[in-house]
Protein backbone atom coordinates (compact mmCIF):
# COMPACT_ATOMS: atom_id res chain seq x y z
CA MET A 1 89.11 93.05 94.44
CA HIS A 2 87.12 93.76 91.27
CA LYS A 3 87.23 96.80 89.01
CA ASP A 4 85.24 99.89 89.96
CA VAL A 5 82.26 101.15 87.96
CA LEU A 6 82.34 104.52 86.21
CA SER A 7 80.22 106.14 88.92
CA TYR A 8 82.85 105.44 91.57
CA GLU A 9 85.10 108.29 92.65
CA LYS A 10 87.44 107.88 95.61
CA GLY A 11 85.88 109.71 98.55
CA HIS A 12 82.43 110.19 97.03
CA PRO A 13 79.86 108.74 99.45
CA ASN A 14 77.40 107.23 96.94
CA PRO A 15 78.48 105.50 93.70
CA LEU A 16 74.84 104.53 93.10
CA PHE A 17 73.96 108.19 92.35
CA TYR A 18 76.98 110.22 91.29
CA ARG A 19 77.37 113.70 89.83
CA PRO A 20 80.92 114.97 89.11
CA ASP A 21 80.51 118.39 90.76
CA TRP A 22 80.53 117.92 94.52
CA MET A 23 82.46 119.01 97.60
CA SER A 24 83.08 117.07 100.81
CA LEU A 25 82.40 118.82 104.10
CA ASN A 26 83.99 116.06 106.17
CA GLY A 27 86.91 116.85 108.43
CA LYS A 28 87.32 119.10 111.44
CA TRP A 29 84.27 120.96 112.71
CA ASP A 30 83.83 123.15 115.78
CA PHE A 31 81.82 121.27 118.37
CA VAL A 32 80.25 121.87 121.78
CA PHE A 33 78.04 120.02 124.26
CA ASP A 34 74.86 121.83 125.32
CA ASP A 35 73.92 120.02 128.52
CA ASP A 36 71.95 123.04 129.80
CA ASN A 37 70.07 123.52 126.49
CA LEU A 38 71.23 127.12 126.11
CA GLY A 39 72.21 127.11 122.43
CA LEU A 40 68.89 128.07 120.89
CA LYS A 41 68.32 130.87 123.40
CA GLU A 42 71.83 132.24 122.92
CA GLY A 43 71.67 132.21 119.13
CA TRP A 44 74.18 129.48 118.31
CA SER A 45 72.22 128.76 115.12
CA SER A 46 73.95 131.73 113.50
CA LYS A 47 77.29 132.01 115.32
CA ILE A 48 80.08 129.90 116.76
CA PRO A 49 80.02 130.22 120.55
CA ASP A 50 83.04 130.46 122.79
CA GLY A 51 84.51 127.29 124.23
CA THR A 52 84.15 124.95 121.26
CA ILE A 53 86.47 122.02 120.66
CA LYS A 54 87.29 120.18 117.44
CA ILE A 55 85.56 117.02 116.23
CA LYS A 56 86.31 114.98 113.13
CA VAL A 57 83.18 114.39 111.09
CA PRO A 58 81.90 111.78 110.22
CA TYR A 59 82.67 110.18 113.59
CA SER A 60 80.37 110.29 116.61
CA TYR A 61 81.91 111.96 119.64
CA GLU A 62 81.86 108.68 121.60
CA VAL A 63 84.57 107.01 119.48
CA PRO A 64 88.37 107.57 119.40
CA SER A 65 88.49 108.65 115.74
CA SER A 66 86.35 111.71 116.52
CA GLY A 67 89.19 113.26 118.53
CA VAL A 68 86.78 114.06 121.38
CA LYS A 69 87.95 112.53 124.64
CA ASP A 70 84.61 112.48 126.43
CA LYS A 71 82.45 109.37 126.56
CA LYS A 72 79.87 110.68 129.03
CA GLU A 73 76.26 110.92 127.90
CA HIS A 74 75.43 114.28 126.29
CA LYS A 75 72.00 114.62 124.72
CA ILE A 76 72.38 117.94 122.85
CA LEU A 77 75.31 118.50 120.50
CA TRP A 78 76.17 121.49 118.30
CA TYR A 79 78.38 121.37 115.18
CA PHE A 80 79.81 124.34 113.26
CA LYS A 81 81.50 124.23 109.84
CA THR A 82 82.77 127.13 107.75
CA PHE A 83 83.35 126.72 104.01
CA GLN A 84 83.72 128.84 100.88
CA ASN A 85 80.82 129.28 98.48
CA PRO A 86 81.43 126.75 95.67
CA HIS A 87 79.51 128.92 93.14
CA TYR A 88 77.61 126.07 91.58
CA GLU A 89 75.64 126.90 88.44
CA GLY A 90 72.51 125.02 89.53
CA LYS A 91 71.05 124.16 92.90
CA SER A 92 73.37 123.45 95.79
CA MET A 93 72.17 120.28 97.51
CA LEU A 94 73.49 119.60 101.01
CA HIS A 95 73.62 115.89 101.89
CA PHE A 96 73.77 114.21 105.29
CA GLU A 97 74.31 110.46 105.14
CA ARG A 98 73.56 109.68 108.80
CA CYS A 99 72.65 111.56 111.97
CA ASP A 100 71.40 110.03 115.20
CA TYR A 101 68.71 110.94 116.28
CA VAL A 102 67.02 114.34 115.85
CA PHE A 103 68.64 116.80 113.44
CA ASP A 104 68.10 120.54 113.08
CA GLY A 105 70.26 122.55 110.69
CA TRP A 106 70.96 126.16 109.70
CA LEU A 107 73.02 127.74 106.92
CA ASN A 108 74.03 131.34 107.55
CA GLY A 109 71.23 131.59 110.10
CA HIS A 110 68.53 130.23 107.76
CA TYR A 111 66.71 127.16 109.09
CA LEU A 112 67.05 124.07 106.86
CA GLY A 113 64.67 121.69 108.57
CA LYS A 114 64.29 118.76 110.96
CA HIS A 115 65.04 115.10 110.40
CA ILE A 116 64.21 112.29 112.83
CA GLY A 117 65.85 108.87 112.64
CA GLY A 118 69.41 107.62 112.83
CA TYR A 119 69.77 105.25 109.86
CA ASP A 120 68.71 106.95 106.62
CA ALA A 121 70.16 109.69 104.42
CA PHE A 122 68.57 113.11 103.84
CA ARG A 123 69.31 116.35 101.99
CA TYR A 124 68.35 120.03 101.62
CA ASP A 125 68.38 122.57 98.81
CA VAL A 126 70.54 125.39 100.23
CA SER A 127 70.91 127.47 97.06
CA ASP A 128 69.06 130.49 98.44
CA PHE A 129 71.04 130.55 101.67
CA LEU A 130 74.60 130.64 100.32
CA ILE A 131 76.50 133.92 100.48
CA GLU A 132 79.71 135.22 98.93
CA GLY A 133 82.90 134.13 100.65
CA GLU A 134 82.72 132.22 103.91
CA ASN A 135 79.54 130.36 104.85
CA LEU A 136 78.56 128.94 108.25
CA LEU A 137 76.76 125.60 108.51
CA VAL A 138 75.34 124.83 111.97
CA VAL A 139 73.85 121.52 113.13
CA ARG A 140 72.09 120.80 116.41
CA THR A 141 71.40 117.16 117.29
CA TYR A 142 69.45 115.55 120.09
CA ASP A 143 69.75 111.94 121.16
CA ASP A 144 68.66 110.06 124.27
CA LYS A 145 68.31 106.49 125.49
CA ASP A 146 64.60 106.11 124.91
CA PRO A 147 64.14 102.38 124.18
CA ALA A 148 61.09 103.12 122.01
CA HIS A 149 63.27 104.87 119.41
CA VAL A 150 64.80 103.00 116.47
CA ARG A 151 68.23 102.31 117.99
CA GLY A 152 69.53 98.85 117.07
CA LYS A 153 72.36 97.60 119.29
CA GLN A 154 72.85 100.90 121.15
CA THR A 155 72.31 100.50 124.88
CA TRP A 156 69.31 102.17 126.52
CA GLU A 157 70.68 101.54 130.00
CA GLU A 158 73.42 103.51 131.75
CA LYS A 159 76.17 101.23 130.45
CA PRO A 160 76.55 98.58 127.74
CA PHE A 161 75.20 95.16 128.73
CA ALA A 162 74.62 91.69 127.25
CA CYS A 163 74.73 92.18 123.45
CA PHE A 164 74.07 95.93 123.56
CA TYR A 165 76.89 98.36 122.99
CA PRO A 166 77.86 102.02 123.53
CA THR A 167 75.70 104.73 122.03
CA THR A 168 76.25 106.64 118.79
CA SER A 169 75.15 110.28 118.78
CA GLY A 170 75.03 113.09 116.25
CA LEU A 171 76.73 113.12 112.84
CA TYR A 172 78.32 109.79 111.97
CA GLY A 173 77.96 109.80 108.17
CA ASP A 174 79.41 111.83 105.33
CA VAL A 175 78.37 115.44 104.72
CA TRP A 176 78.75 116.93 101.23
CA LEU A 177 77.53 119.58 98.78
CA GLU A 178 76.47 118.76 95.22
CA ASP A 179 75.74 120.87 92.14
CA VAL A 180 72.29 119.99 90.75
CA ASN A 181 70.39 121.68 87.93
CA LYS A 182 66.85 122.83 88.68
CA ALA A 183 65.76 120.55 85.87
CA SER A 184 67.18 117.28 87.16
CA ILE A 185 66.74 113.67 88.16
CA GLN A 186 65.76 113.63 91.84
CA GLY A 187 66.17 109.90 92.29
CA TYR A 188 65.82 106.52 90.63
CA ASP A 189 66.09 102.81 91.18
CA ALA A 190 66.78 99.91 88.85
CA ARG A 191 65.79 96.26 89.13
CA ALA A 192 66.92 93.86 86.43
CA SER A 193 65.08 90.71 85.36
CA TYR A 194 67.03 87.60 84.43
CA GLU A 195 63.94 85.92 82.99
CA GLU A 196 63.02 88.84 80.74
CA LYS A 197 66.59 90.00 80.01
CA ALA A 198 65.61 93.56 80.84
CA VAL A 199 66.13 96.31 83.38
CA TYR A 200 63.24 98.25 84.88
CA LEU A 201 63.81 101.83 86.00
CA ARG A 202 61.68 104.09 88.16
CA LEU A 203 62.73 107.71 87.75
CA LEU A 204 61.76 110.78 89.75
CA PHE A 205 62.25 114.19 88.11
CA THR A 206 61.94 117.76 89.31
CA PRO A 207 58.96 119.70 87.85
CA GLU A 208 61.41 121.82 85.83
CA ALA A 209 62.54 118.68 83.96
CA VAL A 210 59.13 118.11 82.37
CA GLY A 211 59.41 118.60 78.61
CA SER A 212 63.12 117.78 78.43
CA GLN A 213 64.66 114.71 76.79
CA CYS A 214 65.98 111.92 79.00
CA MET A 215 68.70 109.65 77.62
CA LEU A 216 69.68 106.36 79.25
CA GLU A 217 72.92 104.64 78.23
CA VAL A 218 73.80 101.15 79.46
CA SER A 219 77.34 99.89 78.97
CA PHE A 220 79.44 96.99 80.19
CA ARG A 221 83.21 97.34 80.65
CA GLY A 222 83.38 100.28 78.26
CA LYS A 223 81.19 98.79 75.52
CA MET A 224 77.75 100.23 74.81
CA ALA A 225 75.02 97.65 75.39
CA VAL A 226 71.81 99.59 74.77
CA SER A 227 70.40 103.12 74.93
CA ASP A 228 66.96 104.67 75.31
CA SER A 229 65.57 108.17 74.87
CA PHE A 230 62.20 109.66 75.79
CA THR A 231 60.45 112.91 76.62
CA VAL A 232 59.87 113.61 80.30
CA THR A 233 56.09 114.01 80.63
CA GLY A 234 55.75 113.90 84.42
CA ILE A 235 57.78 113.94 87.60
CA TYR A 236 57.51 110.12 87.94
CA MET A 237 58.13 107.78 85.03
CA GLU A 238 58.96 104.12 84.48
CA ARG A 239 61.03 102.60 81.70
CA CYS A 240 61.88 99.07 80.61
CA ILE A 241 65.05 98.50 78.61
CA ASN A 242 65.75 95.15 76.97
CA ILE A 243 69.40 94.10 77.10
CA PRO A 244 70.75 92.43 73.92
CA SER A 245 71.58 88.78 74.47
CA LYS A 246 75.20 89.26 73.36
CA MET A 247 75.68 91.84 76.11
CA PHE A 248 73.61 90.13 78.78
CA LYS A 249 75.56 89.34 81.97
CA ARG A 250 74.07 88.03 85.18
CA TRP A 251 75.32 89.05 88.62
CA SER A 252 76.43 86.36 91.08
CA PRO A 253 78.69 86.15 94.14
CA ALA A 254 81.33 84.45 91.99
CA TYR A 255 80.95 86.87 89.04
CA PRO A 256 79.47 90.15 90.28
CA CYS A 257 78.96 91.73 86.85
CA LEU A 258 77.86 95.37 87.01
CA TYR A 259 76.54 97.50 84.16
CA ASP A 260 77.35 101.21 84.01
CA LEU A 261 74.35 103.49 83.61
CA LYS A 262 74.48 107.09 82.42
CA MET A 263 71.29 109.17 82.78
CA SER A 264 71.16 112.54 81.04
CA LEU A 265 68.63 115.34 80.63
CA ALA A 266 68.81 117.78 77.72
CA ARG A 267 66.72 120.58 76.25
CA ASN A 268 67.36 122.22 72.86
CA GLY A 269 70.68 120.46 72.61
CA ASP A 270 71.95 121.67 76.00
CA PHE A 271 72.64 119.16 78.79
CA LEU A 272 70.80 119.96 82.02
CA ASP A 273 71.76 117.05 84.23
CA VAL A 274 74.03 114.01 84.04
CA VAL A 275 73.91 111.25 86.68
CA TYR A 276 76.15 108.18 86.68
CA SER A 277 75.10 104.92 88.30
CA TYR A 278 75.21 101.16 87.84
CA PHE A 279 73.07 98.04 88.23
CA GLY A 280 73.39 94.27 88.25
CA VAL A 281 71.11 91.49 87.06
CA ASN A 282 70.18 89.55 90.19
CA GLU A 283 66.59 88.33 90.15
CA ILE A 284 65.59 86.68 93.42
CA SER A 285 62.91 84.01 93.63
CA GLN A 286 61.66 81.46 96.15
CA LYS A 287 61.18 77.94 94.86
CA LYS A 288 59.87 75.33 97.27
CA ASN A 289 62.47 75.15 100.04
CA TYR A 290 65.25 77.25 98.55
CA ILE A 291 66.24 80.68 97.28
CA ALA A 292 67.17 81.14 93.62
CA LEU A 293 69.36 83.89 92.17
CA ASN A 294 68.74 84.35 88.46
CA GLY A 295 66.88 81.05 88.33
CA LYS A 296 69.72 79.07 89.92
CA LYS A 297 69.50 77.54 93.38
CA ARG A 298 71.74 79.37 95.82
CA TYR A 299 72.55 78.03 99.26
CA LEU A 300 73.06 81.05 101.50
CA LYS A 301 76.20 81.00 103.64
CA PHE A 302 75.97 84.17 105.69
CA VAL A 303 77.84 85.54 108.67
CA LEU A 304 76.37 87.98 111.19
CA TYR A 305 77.90 91.43 110.68
CA GLN A 306 77.50 93.86 113.59
CA GLY A 307 79.16 96.79 111.82
CA TYR A 308 81.36 98.18 114.62
CA ASN A 309 85.08 98.82 114.67
CA PRO A 310 87.28 99.79 117.66
CA LYS A 311 88.31 103.26 116.46
CA GLY A 312 85.33 104.42 114.45
CA GLY A 313 82.37 102.69 116.06
CA TYR A 314 79.54 102.89 113.50
CA THR A 315 81.77 104.65 110.92
CA PHE A 316 84.20 102.84 108.61
CA THR A 317 86.76 103.99 106.08
CA GLU A 318 86.74 102.41 102.64
CA ASP A 319 89.88 100.42 103.48
CA GLU A 320 88.28 99.10 106.68
CA TYR A 321 85.25 97.91 104.72
CA LYS A 322 87.49 96.31 102.11
CA LYS A 323 89.40 94.42 104.78
CA ASP A 324 86.20 93.06 106.32
CA ILE A 325 84.80 92.02 102.95
CA SER A 326 88.06 90.33 102.00
CA LEU A 327 88.07 88.34 105.25
CA ILE A 328 84.41 87.37 104.88
CA LYS A 329 84.93 86.09 101.34
CA GLY A 330 88.19 84.44 102.35
CA MET A 331 86.32 82.41 104.97
CA GLY A 332 83.97 81.02 102.33
CA PHE A 333 80.86 83.04 103.19
CA ASN A 334 78.80 84.39 100.30
CA GLY A 335 76.85 86.97 102.30
CA VAL A 336 76.35 88.96 105.46
CA ARG A 337 73.39 89.65 107.67
CA VAL A 338 73.96 93.33 108.53
CA HIS A 339 72.57 93.13 112.02
CA GLU A 340 70.62 95.94 113.72
CA LYS A 341 72.36 98.60 111.63
CA VAL A 342 72.29 100.16 108.18
CA GLU A 343 75.73 100.56 106.64
CA SER A 344 76.87 103.41 104.42
CA GLU A 345 76.15 103.41 100.68
CA LEU A 346 79.84 102.73 100.14
CA PHE A 347 79.56 99.39 101.97
CA TYR A 348 76.66 98.23 99.79
CA TYR A 349 78.52 99.36 96.67
CA LEU A 350 81.52 97.25 97.71
CA CYS A 351 79.18 94.30 98.30
CA ASP A 352 77.76 94.83 94.80
CA ARG A 353 81.26 95.03 93.35
CA GLU A 354 82.74 92.08 95.26
CA GLY A 355 79.75 89.72 95.22
CA VAL A 356 78.71 89.72 98.88
CA LEU A 357 75.00 89.12 99.41
CA ASN A 358 73.30 91.01 102.22
CA ASP A 359 70.00 91.92 103.80
CA VAL A 360 68.72 95.32 104.92
CA GLU A 361 67.41 95.29 108.47
CA LEU A 362 65.51 97.85 110.52
CA PRO A 363 67.54 98.59 113.68
CA SER A 364 65.00 97.64 116.31
CA PRO A 365 63.45 99.74 119.01
CA HIS A 366 63.35 97.91 122.34
CA LYS A 367 60.01 98.92 123.74
CA TYR A 368 56.63 99.05 122.07
CA GLU A 369 55.17 102.54 122.12
CA PRO A 370 52.02 103.23 120.03
CA LEU A 371 53.02 106.87 119.58
CA GLU A 372 56.25 105.76 117.86
CA GLU A 373 54.56 103.52 115.28
CA ASP A 374 54.52 106.17 112.56
CA GLU A 375 58.22 106.93 113.03
CA VAL A 376 59.15 103.23 112.93
CA GLN A 377 57.18 102.70 109.72
CA SER A 378 58.47 105.89 108.13
CA GLU A 379 62.12 105.10 108.79
CA PHE A 380 61.79 101.52 107.59
CA GLY A 381 60.15 102.74 104.38
CA ARG A 382 62.98 105.19 103.75
CA ILE A 383 65.61 102.53 104.46
CA VAL A 384 64.04 100.06 102.01
CA THR A 385 63.68 102.76 99.35
CA ASP A 386 67.38 103.64 99.65
CA HIS A 387 68.48 100.06 98.87
CA VAL A 388 66.29 98.88 96.00
CA GLY A 389 69.07 99.50 93.46
CA HIS A 390 71.70 97.25 95.06
CA PRO A 391 71.95 93.84 93.34
CA SER A 392 73.69 92.34 96.39
CA THR A 393 70.69 93.01 98.65
CA ILE A 394 68.42 89.96 98.68
CA ALA A 395 66.00 90.53 101.60
CA TYR A 396 64.53 93.07 103.99
CA VAL A 397 64.06 92.48 107.70
CA GLY A 398 61.52 94.24 109.91
CA TYR A 399 61.97 93.23 113.53
CA ASN A 400 64.51 90.98 115.23
CA GLU A 401 63.56 88.56 118.01
CA SER A 402 60.46 90.63 118.88
CA TRP A 403 62.58 93.56 120.06
CA GLY A 404 60.23 96.53 120.17
CA VAL A 405 57.19 94.29 119.79
CA GLU A 406 57.75 92.31 122.95
CA ASP A 407 54.09 91.19 123.27
CA ILE A 408 53.63 90.27 119.63
CA ALA A 409 52.65 86.70 120.52
CA THR A 410 49.30 87.93 121.86
CA SER A 411 49.01 91.64 120.95
CA LEU A 412 46.96 92.27 117.82
CA ASP A 413 48.32 95.84 117.60
CA GLN A 414 51.92 94.62 117.55
CA GLN A 415 51.08 91.88 115.04
CA LYS A 416 49.47 94.54 112.85
CA LEU A 417 52.59 96.74 113.09
CA SER A 418 54.89 93.86 112.13
CA THR A 419 52.63 92.96 109.22
CA SER A 420 52.54 96.58 108.06
CA LEU A 421 56.35 96.64 107.77
CA TYR A 422 56.27 93.45 105.72
CA GLN A 423 53.58 94.83 103.42
CA MET A 424 55.39 98.16 103.07
CA ALA A 425 58.60 96.47 101.93
CA ASN A 426 56.61 94.43 99.40
CA ARG A 427 54.96 97.56 98.02
CA ILE A 428 58.25 99.42 97.63
CA ASP A 429 60.19 96.43 96.27
CA TRP A 430 58.12 93.40 95.36
CA THR A 431 61.15 91.64 93.82
CA ARG A 432 62.75 90.64 97.14
CA PRO A 433 61.54 88.64 100.13
CA CYS A 434 60.85 90.32 103.46
CA ILE A 435 61.19 88.79 106.93
CA SER A 436 58.71 90.16 109.44
CA ASN A 437 60.42 89.20 112.72
CA ASP A 438 63.75 87.44 112.39
CA GLY A 439 64.25 84.55 114.80
CA TRP A 440 60.73 83.72 115.96
CA GLU A 441 57.15 84.97 116.40
CA HIS A 442 56.72 85.70 112.69
CA THR A 443 53.62 87.31 111.25
CA GLU A 444 53.49 87.56 107.44
CA SER A 445 56.91 86.54 106.19
CA ASP A 446 58.47 85.32 102.94
CA LEU A 447 61.15 83.33 104.77
CA LEU A 448 60.90 81.41 108.03
CA SER A 449 64.11 82.51 109.72
CA LEU A 450 64.99 80.88 113.04
CA HIS A 451 67.57 81.38 115.80
CA ASN A 452 68.96 78.49 117.78
CA TYR A 453 72.22 78.42 119.71
CA ALA A 454 72.44 74.67 120.23
CA GLU A 455 75.86 73.90 121.67
CA ASN A 456 76.47 70.58 120.00
CA LYS A 457 75.37 68.23 117.26
CA GLU A 458 72.93 66.31 119.47
CA GLU A 459 71.05 69.42 120.61
CA MET A 460 70.76 70.70 117.03
CA GLU A 461 69.63 67.28 115.76
CA GLU A 462 66.88 67.17 118.38
CA PHE A 463 65.67 70.62 117.34
CA ALA A 464 65.88 69.79 113.64
CA SER A 465 64.01 66.48 113.90
CA GLU A 466 61.16 68.08 115.82
CA LEU A 467 61.13 70.97 113.35
CA LYS A 468 60.47 68.75 110.35
CA ASP A 469 57.69 66.93 112.15
CA LYS A 470 55.95 70.10 113.35
CA LEU A 471 56.14 71.80 109.95
CA SER A 472 54.70 68.75 108.18
CA ARG A 473 51.67 68.89 110.50
CA GLY A 474 51.30 72.68 110.22
CA GLU A 475 51.85 73.19 113.96
CA ASN A 476 53.34 76.14 115.73
CA PHE A 477 56.41 75.11 117.73
CA ASP A 478 59.02 76.32 120.21
CA VAL A 479 62.15 77.78 118.64
CA SER A 480 64.24 79.03 121.57
CA LEU A 481 63.83 80.63 124.99
CA GLY A 482 60.17 79.67 125.08
CA LYS A 483 59.41 81.61 121.88
CA LYS A 484 57.28 80.03 119.17
CA ALA A 485 57.88 80.25 115.44
CA PHE A 486 54.72 82.26 114.74
CA ALA A 487 52.80 84.96 116.55
CA GLY A 488 49.11 84.59 117.29
CA ASP A 489 47.20 82.71 114.60
CA PHE A 490 49.88 83.05 111.94
CA HIS A 491 51.20 79.76 110.60
CA TYR A 492 53.66 78.10 108.24
CA SER A 493 52.73 78.32 104.57
CA GLY A 494 55.64 76.66 102.80
CA GLN A 495 58.30 79.39 103.08
CA PRO A 496 61.98 78.47 102.69
CA LEU A 497 63.72 77.96 106.04
CA MET A 498 66.75 79.93 107.14
CA MET A 499 68.83 79.34 110.28
CA SER A 500 69.68 83.02 110.61
CA GLU A 501 71.55 82.80 113.95
CA PHE A 502 73.53 79.89 115.44
CA PHE A 503 76.99 78.91 116.75
CA GLY A 504 78.66 81.95 118.41
CA ALA A 505 81.43 80.13 120.29
CA ILE A 506 83.90 81.86 122.61
CA TYR A 507 87.45 80.75 123.35
CA LYS A 508 88.39 79.84 126.92
CA THR A 509 91.14 82.47 126.80
CA ASP A 510 88.54 85.21 126.15
CA GLU A 511 86.12 84.13 128.88
CA ALA A 512 87.29 86.78 131.33
CA LYS A 513 86.91 89.55 128.72
CA GLY A 514 83.32 88.91 127.69
CA TRP A 515 80.85 86.23 126.69
CA GLY A 516 79.82 83.90 123.89
CA TYR A 517 77.23 81.18 123.36
CA GLY A 518 77.64 77.82 125.05
CA ALA A 519 80.62 76.43 126.91
CA PRO A 520 83.94 78.06 125.95
CA VAL A 521 86.16 76.07 123.58
CA LYS A 522 89.76 75.37 124.55
CA SER A 523 91.43 75.20 121.14
CA ASN A 524 91.13 75.98 117.45
CA ARG A 525 90.40 72.33 116.82
CA ALA A 526 87.47 72.31 119.25
CA TYR A 527 86.17 75.56 117.76
CA LEU A 528 86.19 74.18 114.23
CA GLN A 529 84.75 70.82 115.31
CA ARG A 530 81.74 72.52 116.91
CA TYR A 531 81.12 74.67 113.83
CA ARG A 532 81.47 71.71 111.45
CA ALA A 533 79.14 69.49 113.48
CA LEU A 534 76.37 72.11 113.65
CA LEU A 535 76.61 72.88 109.93
CA LYS A 536 76.38 69.19 109.07
CA VAL A 537 73.03 68.97 110.85
CA LEU A 538 71.67 72.11 109.14
CA LYS A 539 72.63 70.88 105.70
CA LYS A 540 70.53 67.74 106.20
CA CYS A 541 67.44 69.70 107.21
CA ASP A 542 66.46 71.36 103.95
CA PHE A 543 67.39 74.85 105.16
CA ALA A 544 67.84 77.40 102.38
CA GLY A 545 70.92 78.62 104.19
CA TYR A 546 72.44 79.78 107.44
CA CYS A 547 73.94 82.79 109.15
CA ALA A 548 76.72 82.08 111.63
CA THR A 549 77.28 84.30 114.68
CA GLN A 550 79.43 86.29 114.15
CA PHE A 551 82.11 87.92 112.00
CA ALA A 552 83.98 89.92 114.65
CA ASP A 553 84.18 90.29 118.41
CA THR A 554 82.20 93.40 119.32
CA TYR A 555 82.89 95.08 122.65
CA GLN A 556 81.89 92.57 125.37
CA GLU A 557 80.59 90.00 122.87
CA LYS A 558 83.53 87.68 122.17
CA ASN A 559 82.04 85.16 119.77
CA GLY A 560 83.56 86.33 116.49
CA PHE A 561 85.52 84.42 113.88
CA VAL A 562 87.99 87.32 114.22
CA ASP A 563 88.71 89.60 117.15
CA GLU A 564 87.75 93.30 117.22
CA ASN A 565 91.03 94.17 115.45
CA ARG A 566 90.28 91.63 112.69
CA ASN A 567 92.89 89.11 113.81
CA VAL A 568 91.72 85.65 112.78
CA LYS A 569 91.27 83.09 115.56
CA ALA A 570 91.12 79.77 113.71
CA SER A 571 92.70 79.76 110.26
CA ILE A 572 90.81 81.33 107.35
CA ASP A 573 91.44 78.29 105.17
CA SER A 574 89.95 75.95 107.79
CA ILE A 575 86.77 78.01 108.09
CA LYS A 576 86.54 78.26 104.32
CA LYS A 577 86.92 74.50 103.93
CA ILE A 578 84.06 73.87 106.37
CA ASN A 579 81.75 76.41 104.70
CA ARG A 580 82.44 74.96 101.27
CA SER A 581 81.80 71.42 102.50
CA TYR A 582 78.17 72.16 103.32
């Protein structure tokens, strides 16, 4: 494990945007189900009702770590937390990292607002609502199994099935208070250029900050690299800072060098706001048939990461993340495809720190509904915006396997929606590629990512040989399950190829517990032979990389390199040797 940046504090949810004065509201909350929808009528927004139980936030009630022993479906949940007024000098910002799906909140009876969407962070200024002594925070959440909602791998049927798992409802991310001056930095992102030896910053200020001085200090391992100072003339500003050649360090999976960044606001010699962050130099480019990081060809060796654990479901502790990352690197993978989920900021920080590449993927809806288009686009935009500053993130993914755009092959409306997500990601962050529909039926896309679960070398060779021929002639072609590579009139235009799902073998001993792809293997040797044979074919086919299914067994899906408790099936060294061979 590598050394932490200065903006890291044990327990703080977001090292990418850290202020020292904060207070966690995680832990035990009062909690009650509202199956009859009585809470609003009975005034629960300003009082704790009788009959509550305890729940441990940030865990959803469906998982063991929550302490709630009830896995039945409950659509309406109420949470109640009492805490002492922290007496912050500035604004008191209340942060919620994740809540699935509809959030309504109150502080001391005052309504905070509504948030819709289960995979992005949000916050409220609660300064005017705090009182002396004990304060009462109340949260009401609503979630259902509507397949048109952005839901990822959560089942929309009565029970889990196929590759879809139990639901996650309510608060499942960190909750915390933060002291923020009225004149402050609301947000920022940094993207560094290897070619220009510079870092570009986009900064968002509060109106009260206009007229103050902003100071930016970049350091590396305790040594000052460069500083910049300017007058804040508007709420949105951009800055470019050149990094001296003697202090220039590029980020890579092998050497994930991170710069510390201190951002300060001052007026008349008094500091108004200080934010600590970090960035890494990882410029991504597409050259012919491969991906380059900082101008150097990088063959992507990814593993599919579902982001579930037996006790916490969607929610991980820092140690649990560290264990997963250590296993992934130990197996010789240099990245993860975070599949149908958005992890916590802590996970992406650890990827930045440890050199694990990743993509950011919209958790798919599973039914096209025109009335939900705005919500899908809005949530994807917020998700992309939240991850621009992470040097380990190398791509954005809109849809997966046409989930939620099931008629995209022929529907112009669904093609337009897919294209709009691609274009949105490019507007927010034009420095990274975006995949419109991972697996098949692409519209506009910077990578041609394909899924194929060929069981053996011969099947994969047949697919690969036809692939080369079809691409050379500019033809559309079958990928898998009768799905073609492109939707409608879209076509190949020279994008790098990525085999973003393949393999997924299950052991014969696990066959009764769940399923995997292809015939079950009977031994470690057979498991490794199948993986090696498939990789050998892919390496010969000018793919820019691959993503193997999958890191860990997940509920009924038993095709992981490790089981759900992170016990390795075949040896780590054997898997690492195969990955490094290709």
